Protein backbone atom coordinates (compact mmCIF):
# COMPACT_ATOMS: atom_id res chain seq x y z
CA MET A 1 0.06 -0.04 -0.32
CA SER A 2 1.15 3.35 -0.92
CA GLU A 3 -0.02 4.51 2.96
CA LEU A 4 -1.03 2.70 5.60
CA PRO A 5 -4.31 2.98 7.78
CA MET A 6 -4.50 5.54 10.42
CA GLY A 7 -2.97 3.31 13.21
CA TRP A 8 -1.15 0.38 11.34
CA THR A 9 2.30 -0.67 11.06
CA THR A 10 4.50 -2.44 9.00
CA THR A 11 6.47 -5.47 11.09
CA THR A 12 7.22 -9.26 10.29
CA LEU A 13 5.80 -12.70 11.61
CA GLY A 14 9.33 -13.41 13.22
CA GLU A 15 8.49 -9.90 15.47
CA LEU A 16 5.07 -11.18 16.02
CA ALA A 17 5.46 -14.78 16.61
CA GLU A 18 8.36 -17.13 17.75
CA VAL A 19 8.88 -19.68 14.40
CA ILE A 20 9.94 -23.14 15.65
CA ARG A 21 11.17 -26.07 13.87
CA GLY A 22 9.13 -29.73 14.34
CA VAL A 23 10.40 -32.59 16.58
CA THR A 24 12.52 -34.94 14.16
CA TYR A 25 12.14 -38.77 14.14
CA LYS A 26 13.00 -42.21 12.48
CA LYS A 27 10.46 -43.74 10.37
CA GLU A 28 10.35 -47.12 12.15
CA GLN A 29 9.33 -45.15 15.23
CA ALA A 30 5.92 -43.70 13.97
CA LYS A 31 3.58 -45.86 15.08
CA ALA A 32 -0.04 -45.79 13.38
CA SER A 33 -2.11 -46.09 16.96
CA PRO A 34 -1.29 -44.68 20.42
CA SER A 35 0.03 -46.36 23.02
CA ASP A 36 1.90 -45.10 26.39
CA GLY A 37 5.07 -43.23 25.42
CA LEU A 38 3.39 -41.73 22.09
CA LEU A 39 2.22 -38.14 21.27
CA PRO A 40 -0.13 -37.74 18.28
CA LEU A 41 1.33 -35.53 15.56
CA LEU A 42 0.48 -33.52 13.19
CA ARG A 43 1.77 -33.65 9.64
CA ALA A 44 1.69 -31.22 6.28
CA THR A 45 -1.22 -33.70 5.50
CA ASN A 46 -3.44 -32.97 8.60
CA ILE A 47 -3.29 -29.18 7.03
CA SER A 48 -5.94 -27.55 4.93
CA GLN A 49 -8.02 -24.80 5.57
CA GLU A 50 -8.80 -26.33 9.31
CA LEU A 51 -6.14 -28.84 10.92
CA ASP A 52 -7.61 -32.62 10.49
CA PHE A 53 -7.11 -34.73 13.57
CA ASP A 54 -7.88 -38.09 11.68
CA ASN A 55 -4.85 -40.08 10.35
CA LEU A 56 -2.27 -39.29 12.79
CA VAL A 57 0.95 -40.73 13.77
CA TYR A 58 2.13 -41.51 17.52
CA VAL A 59 6.15 -40.77 17.82
CA PRO A 60 7.82 -41.11 20.89
CA ASN A 61 7.08 -38.64 24.10
CA ARG A 62 11.53 -38.35 24.64
CA ASN A 63 11.50 -37.24 20.56
CA VAL A 64 9.45 -33.99 21.53
CA SER A 65 10.95 -30.55 23.49
CA ASP A 66 8.50 -28.80 25.67
CA LEU A 67 9.17 -25.45 23.21
CA GLN A 68 7.45 -28.31 20.44
CA MET A 69 4.10 -29.45 22.26
CA HIS A 70 1.43 -27.65 21.19
CA ARG A 71 -0.69 -24.58 22.56
CA GLN A 72 -3.87 -22.70 22.13
CA GLY A 73 -3.05 -20.45 19.23
CA ASP A 74 -0.19 -22.16 17.40
CA ILE A 75 -0.42 -21.64 13.25
CA VAL A 76 0.57 -24.79 11.77
CA ILE A 77 2.68 -24.58 8.73
CA ALA A 78 3.16 -26.71 5.78
CA ALA A 79 7.03 -26.02 5.70
CA SER A 80 8.56 -28.89 3.34
CA SER A 81 5.94 -30.32 0.09
CA GLY A 82 6.45 -32.04 -3.38
CA SER A 83 3.73 -29.60 -3.93
CA LYS A 84 3.90 -26.21 -4.19
CA ALA A 85 0.10 -25.37 -3.56
CA ILE A 86 0.69 -27.68 -0.47
CA VAL A 87 3.84 -26.03 0.92
CA GLY A 88 3.22 -22.57 3.16
CA LYS A 89 -0.58 -24.21 4.21
CA ALA A 90 -1.24 -22.74 7.32
CA ALA A 91 -4.00 -23.67 9.64
CA ILE A 92 -4.58 -22.25 13.40
CA LEU A 93 -5.00 -24.85 16.45
CA CYS A 94 -8.01 -23.23 18.50
CA SER A 95 -8.19 -25.30 21.74
CA ASP A 96 -6.30 -27.02 24.06
CA TRP A 97 -4.42 -30.26 22.35
CA THR A 98 -1.61 -32.60 23.56
CA GLY A 99 0.36 -33.30 20.88
CA THR A 100 3.05 -32.10 18.35
CA PHE A 101 3.82 -31.66 14.72
CA GLY A 102 6.45 -33.23 12.10
CA ALA A 103 10.20 -31.83 10.99
CA PHE A 104 7.98 -31.48 7.12
CA CYS A 105 5.72 -28.36 9.37
CA ALA A 106 6.65 -25.55 11.25
CA VAL A 107 4.90 -23.63 14.07
CA ALA A 108 4.20 -19.86 14.27
CA ARG A 109 3.72 -18.88 18.00
CA PRO A 110 2.37 -15.91 18.03
CA HIS A 111 2.96 -13.61 20.85
CA GLN A 112 0.25 -13.10 23.60
CA ALA A 113 -0.46 -9.57 22.76
CA ILE A 114 -1.32 -10.28 18.76
CA ALA A 115 -4.62 -11.54 18.44
CA ALA A 116 -3.44 -15.61 16.63
CA LYS A 117 -6.98 -15.48 14.45
CA TYR A 118 -5.18 -12.21 12.62
CA LEU A 119 -2.09 -13.89 11.77
CA SER A 120 -3.61 -17.38 10.52
CA TYR A 121 -6.39 -15.10 8.51
CA TYR A 122 -3.33 -13.40 6.98
CA MET A 123 -1.91 -16.74 6.00
CA GLN A 124 -4.72 -16.90 3.30
CA THR A 125 -3.78 -13.87 1.74
CA SER A 126 -2.23 -14.05 -2.33
CA GLN A 127 0.62 -12.05 -0.60
CA TYR A 128 1.26 -14.75 1.26
CA ARG A 129 1.41 -16.95 -1.16
CA SER A 130 2.85 -15.17 -3.40
CA TYR A 131 5.95 -14.49 -0.70
CA ILE A 132 6.25 -18.10 0.04
CA SER A 133 5.88 -19.44 -3.58
CA ALA A 134 9.23 -17.00 -4.50
CA CYS A 135 11.19 -18.29 -1.47
CA SER A 136 10.43 -22.01 -1.26
CA ALA A 137 12.92 -23.80 -3.72
CA GLY A 138 13.65 -27.40 -4.39
CA VAL A 139 13.92 -30.17 -7.23
CA ASN A 140 11.47 -32.30 -6.04
CA ILE A 141 10.96 -30.93 -2.77
CA ASN A 142 9.78 -27.62 -2.22
CA ASN A 143 11.37 -26.29 1.27
CA LEU A 144 10.99 -23.51 3.50
CA LYS A 145 13.17 -21.85 6.22
CA ALA A 146 12.71 -20.85 8.92
CA THR A 147 14.50 -17.47 8.72
CA ASP A 148 12.11 -17.66 5.39
CA LEU A 149 8.78 -17.32 7.28
CA GLY A 150 10.23 -15.03 9.54
CA SER A 151 11.14 -12.52 7.45
CA PHE A 152 7.33 -12.10 5.79
CA GLU A 153 6.43 -8.65 5.85
CA LEU A 154 2.64 -7.85 7.00
CA PHE A 155 0.70 -4.93 7.91
CA LEU A 156 -0.12 -4.97 11.84
CA ALA A 157 -3.32 -3.17 12.62
CA PRO A 158 -3.72 -1.92 16.15
CA ARG A 159 -4.68 -4.26 18.69
CA ARG A 160 -8.93 -3.62 19.34
CA GLU A 161 -9.17 -3.59 15.23
CA GLN A 162 -7.26 -7.02 14.85
CA ASP A 163 -10.80 -8.15 17.06
CA ARG A 164 -13.04 -6.03 14.53
CA ILE A 165 -11.23 -7.28 11.80
CA VAL A 166 -10.74 -11.22 12.54
CA ASN A 167 -14.58 -11.08 13.44
CA GLU A 168 -15.38 -9.77 10.30
CA ILE A 169 -14.22 -11.63 8.43
CA GLU A 170 -15.36 -14.86 10.46
CA LYS A 171 -18.89 -13.26 9.37
CA GLN A 172 -18.43 -13.11 5.94
CA PHE A 173 -16.66 -16.36 5.60
CA THR A 174 -19.63 -17.85 7.69
CA ARG A 175 -21.70 -16.97 4.95
CA LEU A 176 -19.75 -17.85 1.82
CA ASP A 177 -19.15 -21.19 3.52
CA ALA A 178 -22.74 -21.69 3.64
CA ALA A 179 -23.35 -20.74 0.14
CA THR A 180 -20.60 -22.98 -0.98
CA ALA A 181 -22.11 -25.91 0.63
CA ALA A 182 -25.45 -25.17 -0.45
CA LEU A 183 -23.58 -25.55 -3.99
CA LYS A 184 -21.80 -28.53 -3.30
CA ARG A 185 -25.38 -30.23 -2.15
CA VAL A 186 -26.97 -29.01 -5.75
CA GLN A 187 -23.39 -30.40 -7.68
CA ALA A 188 -24.06 -33.61 -5.86
CA ASN A 189 -27.96 -34.18 -6.43
CA LEU A 190 -26.93 -32.81 -10.15
CA LYS A 191 -23.98 -35.68 -10.34
CA ARG A 192 -26.34 -38.08 -9.08
CA TYR A 193 -29.49 -37.25 -11.92
CA ARG A 194 -26.62 -37.56 -14.77
CA ALA A 195 -26.23 -41.19 -13.49
CA SER A 196 -29.40 -41.98 -13.16
CA VAL A 197 -30.47 -40.37 -16.65
CA LEU A 198 -27.44 -42.94 -18.26
CA LYS A 199 -29.23 -45.55 -15.86
CA ALA A 200 -33.00 -45.42 -17.12
CA ALA A 201 -31.13 -45.05 -20.36
CA CYS A 202 -29.29 -48.40 -20.20
CA GLU A 203 -32.18 -50.66 -18.59
CA GLY A 204 -35.25 -49.49 -21.40
CA GLN A 205 -36.95 -46.29 -18.80
CA LEU A 206 -35.95 -43.43 -20.57
CA VAL A 207 -38.23 -43.53 -23.74
CA SER A 208 -40.28 -45.52 -25.32
CA THR A 209 -39.30 -49.40 -26.21
CA GLU A 210 -39.52 -50.20 -29.96
CA ALA A 211 -41.63 -53.19 -28.89
CA GLU A 212 -44.27 -50.83 -27.43
CA LEU A 213 -44.60 -48.10 -30.20
CA ALA A 214 -44.46 -51.15 -32.88
CA ARG A 215 -47.39 -52.50 -31.20
CA LYS A 216 -49.52 -49.33 -31.05
CA GLU A 217 -48.60 -48.57 -34.62
CA GLY A 218 -49.60 -51.57 -35.45
CA ARG A 219 -46.06 -52.84 -37.16
CA ASP A 220 -43.00 -55.61 -37.24
CA TYR A 221 -40.04 -54.11 -36.10
CA GLU A 222 -36.51 -55.83 -35.86
CA PRO A 223 -35.57 -57.09 -31.61
CA ALA A 224 -31.94 -56.76 -30.92
CA ASP A 225 -31.31 -60.26 -31.07
CA LYS A 226 -31.96 -60.20 -35.09
CA LEU A 227 -29.85 -57.27 -34.80
CA LEU A 228 -27.56 -59.35 -32.79
CA GLN A 229 -26.58 -61.85 -35.54
CA ARG A 230 -26.70 -58.85 -38.51
CA ILE A 231 -23.55 -56.82 -36.63
CA LEU A 232 -22.08 -60.50 -35.96
CA ARG A 233 -22.46 -61.20 -39.72
CA GLU A 234 -20.97 -57.74 -40.21
CA ARG A 235 -18.10 -57.64 -37.73
CA ARG A 236 -16.91 -60.68 -39.74
CA ALA A 237 -16.90 -59.14 -43.13
CA ARG A 238 -14.87 -56.12 -41.96
CA TRP A 239 -12.53 -58.38 -40.66
CA GLU A 240 -12.15 -60.57 -43.97
CA ALA A 241 -11.98 -57.06 -45.93
CA ASP A 242 -9.32 -55.56 -43.98
CA THR A 243 -7.11 -58.67 -43.55
CA LEU A 244 -7.29 -58.83 -47.01
CA ALA A 245 -6.39 -55.42 -47.86
CA LYS A 246 -3.38 -56.27 -45.86
CA MET A 247 -2.35 -59.55 -47.30
CA GLN A 248 -2.86 -58.15 -50.71
CA ALA A 249 -0.47 -55.16 -49.72
CA SER A 250 2.28 -57.26 -48.04
CA GLY A 251 2.32 -59.01 -51.81
CA ASN A 252 1.02 -61.78 -50.78
CA PRO A 253 -3.04 -63.00 -52.04
CA PRO A 254 -4.16 -65.76 -50.98
CA LYS A 255 -4.62 -68.43 -53.06
CA ASP A 256 -7.78 -69.93 -51.73
CA ASP A 257 -10.02 -69.41 -48.81
CA HIS A 258 -8.68 -71.16 -45.86
CA TRP A 259 -7.18 -68.13 -43.99
CA LYS A 260 -10.55 -67.22 -43.37
CA HIS A 261 -11.19 -69.66 -40.68
CA LYS A 262 -8.29 -67.71 -38.61
CA TYR A 263 -11.28 -65.37 -37.30
CA LYS A 264 -12.69 -65.89 -34.21
CA GLU A 265 -15.56 -65.65 -33.43
CA PRO A 266 -16.55 -63.30 -30.48
CA SER A 267 -17.97 -64.83 -27.40
CA ALA A 268 -21.67 -64.65 -26.06
CA PRO A 269 -21.91 -63.51 -22.06
CA ASP A 270 -22.94 -65.31 -19.32
CA THR A 271 -25.82 -64.05 -18.36
CA SER A 272 -27.09 -66.43 -15.37
CA ASN A 273 -26.71 -63.28 -13.51
CA LEU A 274 -27.84 -60.76 -15.38
CA PRO A 275 -31.41 -59.14 -14.75
CA PRO A 276 -34.34 -59.26 -17.79
CA LEU A 277 -34.17 -57.06 -20.38
CA PRO A 278 -37.48 -55.06 -21.27
CA VAL A 279 -39.02 -56.72 -24.93
CA GLY A 280 -36.82 -56.98 -27.97
CA TRP A 281 -33.63 -56.00 -25.83
CA CYS A 282 -31.22 -58.65 -25.50
CA TRP A 283 -27.19 -59.39 -23.83
CA ALA A 284 -24.83 -59.11 -25.92
CA GLY A 285 -20.99 -58.96 -25.23
CA LEU A 286 -18.65 -55.69 -26.26
CA GLU A 287 -16.46 -57.56 -28.15
CA GLN A 288 -19.32 -58.94 -29.93
CA ILE A 289 -20.33 -55.66 -31.45
CA ALA A 290 -17.38 -53.31 -31.20
CA ARG A 291 -13.54 -54.02 -32.28
CA PHE A 292 -11.19 -52.89 -30.06
CA GLN A 293 -7.12 -51.54 -31.48
CA ASN A 294 -4.49 -50.30 -28.83
CA GLY A 295 -2.30 -47.67 -29.56
CA ARG A 296 0.89 -46.97 -29.59
CA PRO A 297 4.49 -45.79 -27.91
CA PHE A 298 5.50 -42.23 -29.73
CA PRO A 299 8.90 -40.80 -28.64
CA SER A 300 8.14 -37.92 -26.63
CA SER A 301 11.87 -36.80 -27.74
CA GLN A 302 9.97 -36.08 -30.95
CA TYR A 303 7.52 -33.58 -29.36
CA GLY A 304 6.73 -30.32 -30.89
CA GLU A 305 4.95 -27.51 -32.22
CA ASP A 306 3.56 -28.40 -35.40
CA GLY A 307 2.61 -31.72 -37.16
CA ILE A 308 -0.06 -33.72 -36.54
CA ARG A 309 -1.98 -34.06 -33.26
CA LEU A 310 -1.15 -36.97 -30.55
CA ILE A 311 -4.33 -37.79 -28.50
CA ARG A 312 -3.19 -38.85 -24.63
CA PRO A 313 -4.83 -39.66 -21.68
CA GLY A 314 -4.40 -36.18 -20.93
CA ASN A 315 -6.74 -35.29 -23.79
CA LEU A 316 -10.29 -37.24 -22.71
CA HIS A 317 -12.10 -34.60 -20.38
CA VAL A 318 -14.98 -36.17 -17.94
CA SER A 319 -17.85 -34.54 -19.58
CA GLY A 320 -17.11 -36.88 -23.14
CA ARG A 321 -15.51 -35.12 -25.02
CA VAL A 322 -11.70 -34.82 -26.47
CA VAL A 323 -10.40 -31.36 -25.59
CA TRP A 324 -7.44 -29.56 -26.62
CA ASP A 325 -5.32 -26.59 -25.15
CA GLU A 326 -2.17 -25.16 -24.56
CA LYS A 327 -0.88 -27.46 -21.38
CA ASN A 328 -2.23 -30.38 -23.37
CA THR A 329 -1.83 -30.44 -26.74
CA ARG A 330 1.64 -32.52 -28.50
CA CYS A 331 1.90 -32.53 -31.89
CA LEU A 332 4.51 -35.35 -33.72
CA PRO A 333 6.02 -34.74 -37.11
CA ALA A 334 4.46 -34.93 -40.19
CA PRO A 335 5.92 -38.61 -41.32
CA TYR A 336 4.75 -40.15 -38.31
CA ALA A 337 0.69 -39.72 -39.51
CA GLU A 338 2.33 -41.42 -42.95
CA ASP A 339 4.02 -44.09 -41.33
CA ASN A 340 0.93 -44.93 -38.81
CA SER A 341 -1.99 -44.44 -40.88
CA ASP A 342 -4.07 -47.24 -39.20
CA LEU A 343 -3.68 -45.23 -35.92
CA ILE A 344 -5.21 -41.99 -37.08
CA VAL A 345 -8.15 -41.01 -35.22
CA ARG A 346 -11.05 -39.03 -36.90
CA GLY A 347 -14.42 -37.71 -36.07
CA GLY A 348 -17.10 -39.20 -34.16
CA GLU A 349 -14.52 -42.03 -32.79
CA LEU A 350 -14.96 -43.63 -29.76
CA ILE A 351 -10.71 -43.46 -27.55
CA MET A 352 -11.10 -44.99 -23.79
CA ASN A 353 -7.91 -44.01 -21.52
CA LEU A 354 -6.59 -47.81 -20.28
CA THR A 355 -4.05 -46.25 -17.19
CA ALA A 356 -4.94 -43.84 -14.55
CA GLN A 357 -2.20 -42.48 -11.88
CA PRO A 358 -5.36 -40.28 -10.75
CA LEU A 359 -8.16 -42.43 -8.37
CA ARG A 360 -10.34 -39.16 -8.93
CA ASP A 361 -13.21 -38.39 -11.77
CA GLU A 362 -13.16 -41.90 -12.65
CA PHE A 363 -10.38 -41.58 -14.64
CA LEU A 364 -9.72 -45.09 -15.62
CA GLY A 365 -11.93 -46.36 -18.55
CA ARG A 366 -12.96 -43.05 -19.34
CA ILE A 367 -14.79 -42.89 -22.58
CA CYS A 368 -15.15 -39.61 -25.07
CA ILE A 369 -15.88 -38.95 -28.48
CA THR A 370 -14.09 -36.90 -30.66
CA ASP A 371 -15.37 -33.68 -32.81
CA GLU A 372 -16.17 -33.64 -36.19
CA ASP A 373 -12.70 -32.22 -37.37
CA GLU A 374 -10.99 -34.72 -35.21
CA VAL A 375 -7.69 -35.73 -36.75
CA SER A 376 -4.74 -37.56 -34.55
CA LEU A 377 -2.41 -40.15 -33.56
CA LEU A 378 -3.57 -43.14 -31.11
CA ASN A 379 -1.01 -43.04 -27.91
CA GLN A 380 -0.24 -45.75 -26.00
CA ARG A 381 -2.54 -46.48 -22.72
CA LEU A 382 -5.60 -45.24 -25.06
CA ALA A 383 -7.81 -47.60 -27.01
CA ARG A 384 -10.23 -46.95 -30.36
CA ILE A 385 -13.73 -49.03 -29.79
CA THR A 386 -15.33 -48.82 -33.09
CA PRO A 387 -19.56 -50.13 -32.68
CA VAL A 388 -20.13 -52.26 -35.66
CA LEU A 389 -23.69 -50.87 -36.96
CA ILE A 390 -24.08 -49.11 -33.72
CA PRO A 391 -24.75 -45.46 -33.51
CA PRO A 392 -21.51 -43.96 -32.04
CA GLN A 393 -23.21 -41.66 -29.24
CA PHE A 394 -25.22 -44.93 -27.95
CA MET A 395 -22.02 -46.92 -26.81
CA LEU A 396 -21.15 -43.71 -25.65
CA TRP A 397 -23.23 -43.86 -22.79
CA THR A 398 -23.44 -47.29 -22.82
CA LEU A 399 -20.08 -46.74 -21.37
CA LYS A 400 -20.68 -43.74 -18.98
CA SER A 401 -23.50 -46.10 -17.42
CA TRP A 402 -23.14 -47.01 -13.77
CA ARG A 403 -22.89 -50.79 -15.14
CA PHE A 404 -19.74 -50.25 -16.77
CA ARG A 405 -18.02 -48.33 -14.20
CA ARG A 406 -18.48 -50.69 -11.40
CA PHE A 407 -17.44 -53.25 -14.39
CA VAL A 408 -14.14 -51.48 -14.74
CA ASP A 409 -13.33 -51.02 -10.68
CA LYS A 410 -12.86 -54.91 -11.08
CA LEU A 411 -9.89 -54.86 -13.31
CA ASN A 412 -7.85 -52.45 -11.93
CA THR A 413 -4.95 -54.79 -11.85
CA GLY A 414 -1.96 -51.88 -10.29
CA SER A 415 -2.07 -49.83 -7.25
CA LEU A 416 -0.54 -46.79 -7.15
CA ILE A 417 -0.89 -46.36 -11.32
CA GLN A 418 -3.87 -48.22 -12.84
CA HIS A 419 -4.49 -50.63 -15.45
CA MET A 420 -7.10 -51.96 -17.18
CA PHE A 421 -6.47 -54.10 -21.04
CA THR A 422 -8.43 -54.38 -24.04
CA SER A 423 -8.79 -58.74 -23.55
CA GLN A 424 -10.98 -57.82 -20.65
CA LEU A 425 -13.70 -55.35 -22.14
CA ALA A 426 -14.89 -58.68 -23.62
CA GLU A 427 -16.18 -59.54 -20.96
CA PHE A 428 -18.41 -56.62 -20.18
CA ALA A 429 -22.71 -57.72 -21.44
CA VAL A 430 -24.24 -54.60 -22.91
CA ALA A 431 -27.63 -53.95 -22.75
CA LEU A 432 -28.42 -54.17 -26.65
CA PRO A 433 -32.06 -52.46 -27.85
CA PRO A 434 -33.12 -52.33 -31.38
CA ILE A 435 -31.37 -49.54 -33.49
CA ALA A 436 -34.37 -47.57 -33.48
CA GLU A 437 -34.77 -47.27 -30.09
CA GLN A 438 -30.92 -46.97 -30.00
CA GLN A 439 -30.90 -43.60 -31.74
CA ARG A 440 -33.74 -42.14 -29.19
CA ILE A 441 -32.35 -43.12 -26.19
CA SER A 442 -29.22 -41.58 -27.62
CA ASP A 443 -31.02 -37.98 -28.68
CA ALA A 444 -32.81 -38.21 -25.24
CA VAL A 445 -29.68 -38.61 -23.23
CA ASP A 446 -28.07 -35.90 -24.85
CA ALA A 447 -30.70 -33.78 -24.37
CA GLN A 448 -30.69 -34.10 -21.03
CA LEU A 449 -27.56 -33.65 -20.31
CA ILE A 450 -27.42 -29.98 -21.87
CA ILE A 451 -29.62 -28.55 -19.59
CA LEU A 452 -27.26 -30.81 -16.44
CA ASN A 453 -24.36 -29.18 -18.29
CA SER A 454 -25.76 -25.41 -18.56
CA GLN A 455 -26.40 -25.93 -15.04
CA GLU A 456 -23.38 -27.36 -13.83
CA LYS A 457 -21.60 -24.49 -16.00
CA THR A 458 -23.37 -21.82 -13.89
CA LEU A 459 -22.23 -23.71 -10.66
CA GLU A 460 -18.82 -23.61 -11.62
CA ILE A 461 -18.55 -19.80 -12.07
CA THR A 462 -20.47 -19.13 -9.32
CA ASN A 463 -18.29 -21.67 -6.98
CA ALA A 464 -15.12 -19.55 -8.79
CA ARG A 465 -16.73 -16.21 -7.45
CA SER A 466 -16.94 -17.67 -4.01
CA SER A 467 -13.27 -18.12 -4.09
CA SER A 468 -12.97 -14.57 -5.75
CA LEU A 469 -15.23 -13.01 -2.71
CA ARG A 470 -13.09 -15.12 -0.14
CA ARG A 471 -10.24 -13.89 -1.25
CA ALA A 472 -11.53 -10.23 -1.83
CA THR A 473 -12.17 -10.04 1.68
CA LEU A 474 -9.15 -11.14 3.07
CA THR A 475 -7.65 -8.26 0.76
CA ALA A 476 -9.74 -5.79 2.07
CA ALA A 477 -9.55 -6.66 5.62
CA PHE A 478 -5.65 -6.32 5.56
CA THR A 479 -5.63 -3.51 4.09
CA GLY A 480 -7.92 -1.57 6.02
CA GLN A 481 -11.32 -1.45 4.13
CA LEU A 482 -12.66 -4.33 5.79
CA VAL A 483 -13.70 -2.29 9.33
CA PRO A 484 -13.50 1.72 10.44
CA GLN A 485 -10.77 2.09 11.99
CA ASP A 486 -11.42 4.11 15.63
CA PRO A 487 -8.64 7.16 16.31
CA ASN A 488 -8.90 6.20 20.39
CA ASP A 489 -7.30 2.59 19.54
CA GLU A 490 -3.44 2.09 20.97
CA PRO A 491 -1.01 2.57 17.60
CA ALA A 492 0.13 -0.50 16.21
CA SER A 493 3.45 0.93 16.55
CA ALA A 494 3.10 1.10 20.21
CA LEU A 495 2.14 -2.53 20.10
CA LEU A 496 4.97 -4.00 18.10
CA GLU A 497 7.88 -1.83 20.88
CA ARG A 498 5.79 -3.38 23.55
CA ILE A 499 6.20 -6.98 22.24
CA ARG A 500 9.97 -6.21 21.33
CA VAL A 501 10.87 -5.03 24.55
CA GLU A 502 9.29 -7.59 26.52
CA ARG A 503 11.04 -10.09 24.26
CA ALA A 504 14.55 -8.65 24.80
CA SER A 505 14.09 -8.39 28.65
CA GLN A 506 13.31 -12.50 28.36
CA PRO A 507 16.01 -15.35 27.82
CA ARG A 508 15.85 -17.26 24.77
CA GLN A 509 13.86 -20.63 25.56
CA LYS A 510 15.57 -23.69 24.35
CA ALA A 511 14.22 -26.69 22.75
CA THR A 512 15.39 -28.91 25.94
CA ARG A 513 14.25 -32.52 25.58
CA ASN A 514 11.51 -34.09 27.34
CA SER A 515 12.35 -37.51 29.66
CA LYS A 516 8.79 -37.89 31.48
CA GLN A 517 6.49 -39.01 30.16
CA ARG A 518 3.14 -36.68 29.80
CA PRO A 519 -0.35 -37.71 30.65
CA GLY A 520 -2.92 -37.60 27.69
CA THR A 521 -1.70 -39.17 24.72
CA ALA A 522 -4.46 -40.71 22.72
CA ARG A 523 -5.80 -38.19 19.95
CA GLN A 524 -7.78 -35.43 21.37
CA ARG A 525 -10.45 -34.04 19.45
CA GLY A 526 -12.10 -30.83 19.45
CA ALA A 527 -8.96 -28.53 18.37
CA LYS A 528 -10.97 -27.69 15.31
């Protein structure tokens, strides 16, 4: 600020609070449950907007100094993390709690003359986050030194104004939290409604069945079992055409029809434990009605800004669309398209993700359909799924349904990184309606989801506004614009001088180890 509000002054965190580093301990000393001689310990993973007292570890009492024992008003800070978004995160301990904090954390212990929540809220400002981002350094791990924390410059309000600021922030945040909670409930309801639409679509409950319409209109229709036989004939014909073309291209045209015997007829699904279907529907194995093709690995060293785009897992959006932006777009030189023409993906094609590291948003097995103008190469860890005689849009909604998601849950073959294979997809049973009904179902789902997508977009904008209001509230609070100044308040400069005098007269407290066992070793809640 060019000019401080009346009664304010500039200072550093180190002048207002003692910065204390956390407890060091050997990995084998940490226990997952409490027992005598152990103390609960907070780690960086326990720090969010509030302290989370779940998933604690317990360390020997003897490792902890008196200085490292938590006190009410302590601000716990993540001092080391592999993520820049986590390092520097801070939350206040609002009540007494018998415990300590780990080596990847630090505590800012405010002087008793300072409102601890004033400092805690200051550590949520963009000013603080920018400072932390600039001074935390590391290759794989971002570290924050105690001296860096102590050097953070801030604006100090008079003591009574600190309390008024904290009260107003909490009043504003309470309203924002209530609004955010309401938005989350609406988002959850929309997500459930989306799932119910897809469930109804795949169970014959979203539109009138072809059997019902044919009976009312006095006409015949092709039931799904007859459609399946037609699909199987078409599937074989496509295999024969592709195989013959490859043989001729290689200069080895067939002399007879014996090569046709190599065709492997896809197996029908086991329907013994499957629910009954509407009249005119039948169960079909996914391999019976679609063909699969895996992507191919391409060298990342050849990535550039020009050439043909490479479709990768990061391009598959949860909405079911393939999305390209500055961050996720990778291109390969044009010759790669010429040499891998069989892997060129075009418009209206279904692409599925076969490998996933993040466990959120149902990334493993995520299915998307490409836009009409799509031209890209299919990378490894993805599969192209080509339905036979079935509208791709119907297949998209089928493979986004609850039944398929639960099927995928059983396929994961990894721990940290999840995997599935196209060979496993053959086991999935598809509820197959007549072809005309498939199109009506697709149209009805599209119509419903257009409305849902619009509502979800509105909620996203509202959520973003809520975050902006939170940041704006903090900015106003610490620039003297949230509450009025009172000329009768003691100036912050006088408060700061008293703190300096008091600290100078006190001997520096040393972190001495504690040899005696402290009472209260079990996890104590109520500290949030």
